[in-house]
Amino acid sequence: MTKDSLLKTLNLYEHVLKSAEVKIQEASFRKHYKTDKQSTLEHCHSMINQIRTFVANDNMDKAWRWLGFLQGCFWTLGLFSLNELREHNS
């Protein structure tokens, strides 16, 4: 996956979340944060622009880690299958 393909993948994820009317809401780092589906998706949505910033600053190690977190959440929550996520990474 190149930087350009990563950015295209982020655009796809942002489109999916916006289409589902998922708000952008960063998770609280308090000990007992809600982990329901909606709160998780809102936090994932908030991560997308930060990943773009990592890419712009050439902090690719962190961008890849955060992408992995997003994709793990999306798979666990049933937004995408493993095959779909694999295709996003090609």
C-alpha atoms as a PDB file:
ATOM      1  CA  MET A   1       0.000   0.000   0.000  1.00  0.00           C
ATOM      2  CA  THR A   2       1.336   3.406  -0.975  1.00  0.00           C
ATOM      3  CA  LYS A   3       0.644   6.734   0.699  1.00  0.00           C
ATOM      4  CA  ASP A   4      -1.813   7.558  -2.078  1.00  0.00           C
ATOM      5  CA  SER A   5      -3.677   4.284  -1.686  1.00  0.00           C
ATOM      6  CA  LEU A   6      -3.770   4.801   2.085  1.00  0.00           C
ATOM      7  CA  LEU A   7      -5.343   8.228   1.581  1.00  0.00           C
ATOM      8  CA  LYS A   8      -7.887   6.759  -0.854  1.00  0.00           C
ATOM      9  CA  THR A   9      -8.744   4.093   1.711  1.00  0.00           C
ATOM     10  CA  LEU A  10      -9.232   6.774   4.357  1.00  0.00           C
ATOM     11  CA  ASN A  11     -11.549   8.614   1.960  1.00  0.00           C
ATOM     12  CA  LEU A  12     -13.582   5.426   1.570  1.00  0.00           C
ATOM     13  CA  TYR A  13     -13.839   4.956   5.334  1.00  0.00           C
ATOM     14  CA  GLU A  14     -14.803   8.586   5.834  1.00  0.00           C
ATOM     15  CA  HIS A  15     -17.498   8.266   3.168  1.00  0.00           C
ATOM     16  CA  VAL A  16     -18.910   5.113   4.782  1.00  0.00           C
ATOM     17  CA  LEU A  17     -19.012   6.727   8.218  1.00  0.00           C
ATOM     18  CA  LYS A  18     -20.530   9.982   6.940  1.00  0.00           C
ATOM     19  CA  SER A  19     -23.137   8.036   4.967  1.00  0.00           C
ATOM     20  CA  ALA A  20     -24.078   6.246   8.181  1.00  0.00           C
ATOM     21  CA  GLU A  21     -24.273   9.659   9.901  1.00  0.00           C
ATOM     22  CA  VAL A  22     -21.542   8.741  12.374  1.00  0.00           C
ATOM     23  CA  LYS A  23     -20.378  11.837  14.230  1.00  0.00           C
ATOM     24  CA  ILE A  24     -16.741  12.688  14.819  1.00  0.00           C
ATOM     25  CA  GLN A  25     -16.113  12.252  18.526  1.00  0.00           C
ATOM     26  CA  GLU A  26     -12.737  11.480  20.020  1.00  0.00           C
ATOM     27  CA  ALA A  27     -12.871   8.958  22.833  1.00  0.00           C
ATOM     28  CA  SER A  28     -12.293  10.108  26.346  1.00  0.00           C
ATOM     29  CA  PHE A  29      -9.189   8.597  27.838  1.00  0.00           C
ATOM     30  CA  ARG A  30     -10.861   8.113  31.177  1.00  0.00           C
ATOM     31  CA  LYS A  31     -10.738   4.632  32.570  1.00  0.00           C
ATOM     32  CA  HIS A  32     -14.391   3.728  31.946  1.00  0.00           C
ATOM     33  CA  TYR A  33     -15.089   4.874  28.404  1.00  0.00           C
ATOM     34  CA  LYS A  34     -18.177   3.498  26.681  1.00  0.00           C
ATOM     35  CA  THR A  35     -17.294   0.815  24.173  1.00  0.00           C
ATOM     36  CA  ASP A  36     -20.607   0.465  22.383  1.00  0.00           C
ATOM     37  CA  LYS A  37     -20.652   0.295  18.587  1.00  0.00           C
ATOM     38  CA  GLN A  38     -21.661   3.927  18.039  1.00  0.00           C
ATOM     39  CA  SER A  39     -19.010   5.357  20.365  1.00  0.00           C
ATOM     40  CA  THR A  40     -16.352   3.167  18.792  1.00  0.00           C
ATOM     41  CA  LEU A  41     -17.308   4.286  15.281  1.00  0.00           C
ATOM     42  CA  GLU A  42     -17.326   7.931  16.367  1.00  0.00           C
ATOM     43  CA  HIS A  43     -13.818   7.545  17.739  1.00  0.00           C
ATOM     44  CA  CYS A  44     -12.674   5.791  14.561  1.00  0.00           C
ATOM     45  CA  HIS A  45     -14.150   8.640  12.537  1.00  0.00           C
ATOM     46  CA  SER A  46     -12.145  11.104  14.624  1.00  0.00           C
ATOM     47  CA  MET A  47      -8.943   9.193  13.848  1.00  0.00           C
ATOM     48  CA  ILE A  48      -9.146   9.591  10.067  1.00  0.00           C
ATOM     49  CA  ASN A  49      -7.930  13.201   9.856  1.00  0.00           C
ATOM     50  CA  GLN A  50      -5.188  12.480  12.356  1.00  0.00           C
ATOM     51  CA  ILE A  51      -3.955   9.628  10.159  1.00  0.00           C
ATOM     52  CA  ARG A  52      -3.916  12.042   7.217  1.00  0.00           C
ATOM     53  CA  THR A  53      -1.732  14.350   9.309  1.00  0.00           C
ATOM     54  CA  PHE A  54       0.652  11.490  10.054  1.00  0.00           C
ATOM     55  CA  VAL A  55       0.923  10.789   6.319  1.00  0.00           C
ATOM     56  CA  ALA A  56       1.509  14.473   5.518  1.00  0.00           C
ATOM     57  CA  ASN A  57       4.275  14.569   8.140  1.00  0.00           C
ATOM     58  CA  ASP A  58       5.759  11.311   6.816  1.00  0.00           C
ATOM     59  CA  ASN A  59       5.075   9.566  10.120  1.00  0.00           C
ATOM     60  CA  MET A  60       4.121   6.385   8.321  1.00  0.00           C
ATOM     61  CA  ASP A  61       4.802   3.952  11.161  1.00  0.00           C
ATOM     62  CA  LYS A  62       2.142   5.653  13.238  1.00  0.00           C
ATOM     63  CA  ALA A  63      -0.206   5.976  10.246  1.00  0.00           C
ATOM     64  CA  TRP A  64       0.021   2.199   9.632  1.00  0.00           C
ATOM     65  CA  ARG A  65      -0.611   1.415  13.316  1.00  0.00           C
ATOM     66  CA  TRP A  66      -3.654   3.651  13.424  1.00  0.00           C
ATOM     67  CA  LEU A  67      -4.953   2.207  10.151  1.00  0.00           C
ATOM     68  CA  GLY A  68      -4.601  -1.255  11.682  1.00  0.00           C
ATOM     69  CA  PHE A  69      -6.621  -0.133  14.690  1.00  0.00           C
ATOM     70  CA  LEU A  70      -9.353   1.291  12.431  1.00  0.00           C
ATOM     71  CA  GLN A  71      -9.510  -1.848  10.352  1.00  0.00           C
ATOM     72  CA  GLY A  72      -9.603  -4.059  13.436  1.00  0.00           C
ATOM     73  CA  CYS A  73     -12.551  -2.075  14.763  1.00  0.00           C
ATOM     74  CA  PHE A  74     -14.316  -2.137  11.407  1.00  0.00           C
ATOM     75  CA  TRP A  75     -13.910  -5.904  11.118  1.00  0.00           C
ATOM     76  CA  THR A  76     -14.981  -6.546  14.715  1.00  0.00           C
ATOM     77  CA  LEU A  77     -18.053  -4.342  14.284  1.00  0.00           C
ATOM     78  CA  GLY A  78     -18.977  -5.985  10.983  1.00  0.00           C
ATOM     79  CA  LEU A  79     -18.501  -2.962   8.715  1.00  0.00           C
ATOM     80  CA  PHE A  80     -16.136  -4.816   6.404  1.00  0.00           C
ATOM     81  CA  SER A  81     -15.163  -8.435   5.891  1.00  0.00           C
ATOM     82  CA  LEU A  82     -11.555  -9.563   6.099  1.00  0.00           C
ATOM     83  CA  ASN A  83     -11.514  -9.957   2.314  1.00  0.00           C
ATOM     84  CA  GLU A  84     -12.754  -6.391   1.848  1.00  0.00           C
ATOM     85  CA  LEU A  85     -10.115  -5.067   4.231  1.00  0.00           C
ATOM     86  CA  ARG A  86      -7.454  -7.056   2.401  1.00  0.00           C
ATOM     87  CA  GLU A  87      -8.571  -5.420  -0.852  1.00  0.00           C
ATOM     88  CA  HIS A  88      -8.373  -1.985   0.771  1.00  0.00           C
ATOM     89  CA  ASN A  89      -4.735  -2.707   1.601  1.00  0.00           C
ATOM     90  CA  SER A  90      -3.698  -3.645  -1.921  1.00  0.00           C
END
